[in-house]
């Protein structure tokens, strides 16, 4: 197994775990954590596998940033929908 270290400061647990979920179709993996890094053990870390890992890390990093930037708007939408449902139930 090949070991890959990713800094906690660069990748959240959410990003790493979502990435590894999709890597399961490609290779077996184990995830561990040190004080400052995620430690990923990949059974197969050939060039294509590493490229897919990098692609998924990028994808989920962008998704996480988008989620954080739109959190307020999404919460507002949910609150408005729930208030509307509550108002209809009181009628």
C-alpha atoms as a PDB file:
ATOM      1  CA  UNK A   1       0.000   0.000   0.000  1.00  0.00           C
ATOM      2  CA  UNK A   2       1.185   3.499  -0.838  1.00  0.00           C
ATOM      3  CA  UNK A   3       0.856   6.270   1.721  1.00  0.00           C
ATOM      4  CA  UNK A   4      -0.373   9.746   0.864  1.00  0.00           C
ATOM      5  CA  UNK A   5      -0.388  12.570   3.418  1.00  0.00           C
ATOM      6  CA  UNK A   6      -2.754  15.519   3.150  1.00  0.00           C
ATOM      7  CA  UNK A   7      -2.600  18.439   5.560  1.00  0.00           C
ATOM      8  CA  UNK A   8      -5.673  18.989   7.738  1.00  0.00           C
ATOM      9  CA  UNK A   9      -5.326  22.673   6.909  1.00  0.00           C
ATOM     10  CA  UNK A  10      -5.721  21.910   3.185  1.00  0.00           C
ATOM     11  CA  UNK A  11      -8.558  19.345   3.263  1.00  0.00           C
ATOM     12  CA  UNK A  12     -11.468  18.954   5.651  1.00  0.00           C
ATOM     13  CA  UNK A  13     -12.655  15.566   6.821  1.00  0.00           C
ATOM     14  CA  UNK A  14     -15.789  16.049   4.693  1.00  0.00           C
ATOM     15  CA  UNK A  15     -13.680  16.498   1.545  1.00  0.00           C
ATOM     16  CA  UNK A  16     -11.407  13.535   2.289  1.00  0.00           C
ATOM     17  CA  UNK A  17     -14.203  11.111   3.203  1.00  0.00           C
ATOM     18  CA  UNK A  18     -16.338  12.026   0.181  1.00  0.00           C
ATOM     19  CA  UNK A  19     -13.319  11.618  -2.073  1.00  0.00           C
ATOM     20  CA  UNK A  20     -12.470   8.226  -0.624  1.00  0.00           C
ATOM     21  CA  UNK A  21     -16.067   7.058  -0.897  1.00  0.00           C
ATOM     22  CA  UNK A  22     -15.819   7.402  -4.695  1.00  0.00           C
ATOM     23  CA  UNK A  23     -12.282   5.993  -4.766  1.00  0.00           C
ATOM     24  CA  UNK A  24     -13.690   2.711  -3.430  1.00  0.00           C
ATOM     25  CA  UNK A  25     -14.715   1.757  -6.966  1.00  0.00           C
ATOM     26  CA  UNK A  26     -11.091   2.096  -8.101  1.00  0.00           C
ATOM     27  CA  UNK A  27      -8.957   0.801  -5.238  1.00  0.00           C
ATOM     28  CA  UNK A  28      -9.015  -0.286  -1.614  1.00  0.00           C
ATOM     29  CA  UNK A  29      -7.999   2.365   0.878  1.00  0.00           C
ATOM     30  CA  UNK A  30      -7.533   3.067   4.591  1.00  0.00           C
ATOM     31  CA  UNK A  31      -7.772   6.453   6.270  1.00  0.00           C
ATOM     32  CA  UNK A  32      -5.897   7.465   9.379  1.00  0.00           C
ATOM     33  CA  UNK A  33      -5.089  10.792  10.955  1.00  0.00           C
ATOM     34  CA  UNK A  34      -2.027  12.239  12.622  1.00  0.00           C
ATOM     35  CA  UNK A  35      -1.859  15.493  14.545  1.00  0.00           C
ATOM     36  CA  UNK A  36      -1.711  17.608  11.386  1.00  0.00           C
ATOM     37  CA  UNK A  37      -2.378  15.288   8.434  1.00  0.00           C
ATOM     38  CA  UNK A  38      -4.764  12.801   6.899  1.00  0.00           C
ATOM     39  CA  UNK A  39      -2.932   9.613   6.035  1.00  0.00           C
ATOM     40  CA  UNK A  40      -4.431   7.716   3.122  1.00  0.00           C
ATOM     41  CA  UNK A  41      -3.204   4.241   2.277  1.00  0.00           C
ATOM     42  CA  UNK A  42      -4.084   3.225  -1.268  1.00  0.00           C
ATOM     43  CA  UNK A  43      -3.681  -0.368  -2.398  1.00  0.00           C
ATOM     44  CA  UNK A  44      -3.164   0.801  -5.967  1.00  0.00           C
ATOM     45  CA  UNK A  45      -1.574   4.230  -6.355  1.00  0.00           C
ATOM     46  CA  UNK A  46      -0.640   4.115 -10.029  1.00  0.00           C
ATOM     47  CA  UNK A  47      -0.754   7.260 -12.152  1.00  0.00           C
ATOM     48  CA  UNK A  48      -4.446   6.964 -13.116  1.00  0.00           C
ATOM     49  CA  UNK A  49      -5.519   6.257  -9.542  1.00  0.00           C
ATOM     50  CA  UNK A  50      -3.569   9.235  -8.225  1.00  0.00           C
ATOM     51  CA  UNK A  51      -5.036  11.465 -10.939  1.00  0.00           C
ATOM     52  CA  UNK A  52      -8.547  10.380  -9.955  1.00  0.00           C
ATOM     53  CA  UNK A  53      -7.776  11.046  -6.280  1.00  0.00           C
ATOM     54  CA  UNK A  54      -6.550  14.551  -7.176  1.00  0.00           C
ATOM     55  CA  UNK A  55      -9.606  15.184  -9.380  1.00  0.00           C
ATOM     56  CA  UNK A  56     -12.000  14.144  -6.614  1.00  0.00           C
ATOM     57  CA  UNK A  57     -10.144  16.165  -3.979  1.00  0.00           C
ATOM     58  CA  UNK A  58     -10.453  19.219  -6.226  1.00  0.00           C
ATOM     59  CA  UNK A  59     -14.131  18.512  -6.919  1.00  0.00           C
ATOM     60  CA  UNK A  60     -15.086  18.146  -3.264  1.00  0.00           C
ATOM     61  CA  UNK A  61     -12.979  21.131  -2.215  1.00  0.00           C
ATOM     62  CA  UNK A  62     -14.929  23.278  -4.703  1.00  0.00           C
ATOM     63  CA  UNK A  63     -18.252  21.797  -3.518  1.00  0.00           C
ATOM     64  CA  UNK A  64     -17.357  22.570   0.096  1.00  0.00           C
ATOM     65  CA  UNK A  65     -16.457  26.178  -0.741  1.00  0.00           C
ATOM     66  CA  UNK A  66     -19.728  26.590  -2.627  1.00  0.00           C
ATOM     67  CA  UNK A  67     -21.700  25.112   0.289  1.00  0.00           C
ATOM     68  CA  UNK A  68     -20.049  27.498   2.745  1.00  0.00           C
ATOM     69  CA  UNK A  69     -20.654  30.555   0.532  1.00  0.00           C
ATOM     70  CA  UNK A  70     -24.319  29.703  -0.036  1.00  0.00           C
ATOM     71  CA  UNK A  71     -25.130  28.501   3.491  1.00  0.00           C
ATOM     72  CA  UNK A  72     -26.911  31.704   4.483  1.00  0.00           C
ATOM     73  CA  UNK A  73     -29.071  31.735   1.363  1.00  0.00           C
ATOM     74  CA  UNK A  74     -29.954  28.061   1.717  1.00  0.00           C
ATOM     75  CA  UNK A  75     -30.882  28.518   5.388  1.00  0.00           C
ATOM     76  CA  UNK A  76     -33.055  31.513   4.488  1.00  0.00           C
ATOM     77  CA  UNK A  77     -34.886  29.488   1.843  1.00  0.00           C
ATOM     78  CA  UNK A  78     -35.530  26.653   4.307  1.00  0.00           C
ATOM     79  CA  UNK A  79     -36.784  29.067   6.973  1.00  0.00           C
ATOM     80  CA  UNK A  80     -39.153  30.747   4.493  1.00  0.00           C
ATOM     81  CA  UNK A  81     -40.532  27.425   3.271  1.00  0.00           C
ATOM     82  CA  UNK A  82     -41.077  26.177   6.823  1.00  0.00           C
ATOM     83  CA  UNK A  83     -42.767  29.443   7.806  1.00  0.00           C
ATOM     84  CA  UNK A  84     -45.035  29.145   4.765  1.00  0.00           C
ATOM     85  CA  UNK A  85     -45.944  25.550   5.638  1.00  0.00           C
ATOM     86  CA  UNK A  86     -46.619  26.524   9.253  1.00  0.00           C
ATOM     87  CA  UNK A  87     -48.840  29.415   8.155  1.00  0.00           C
ATOM     88  CA  UNK A  88     -50.864  27.089   5.915  1.00  0.00           C
ATOM     89  CA  UNK A  89     -51.273  24.552   8.711  1.00  0.00           C
ATOM     90  CA  UNK A  90     -52.676  27.225  11.039  1.00  0.00           C
ATOM     91  CA  UNK A  91     -55.443  28.142   8.572  1.00  0.00           C
END
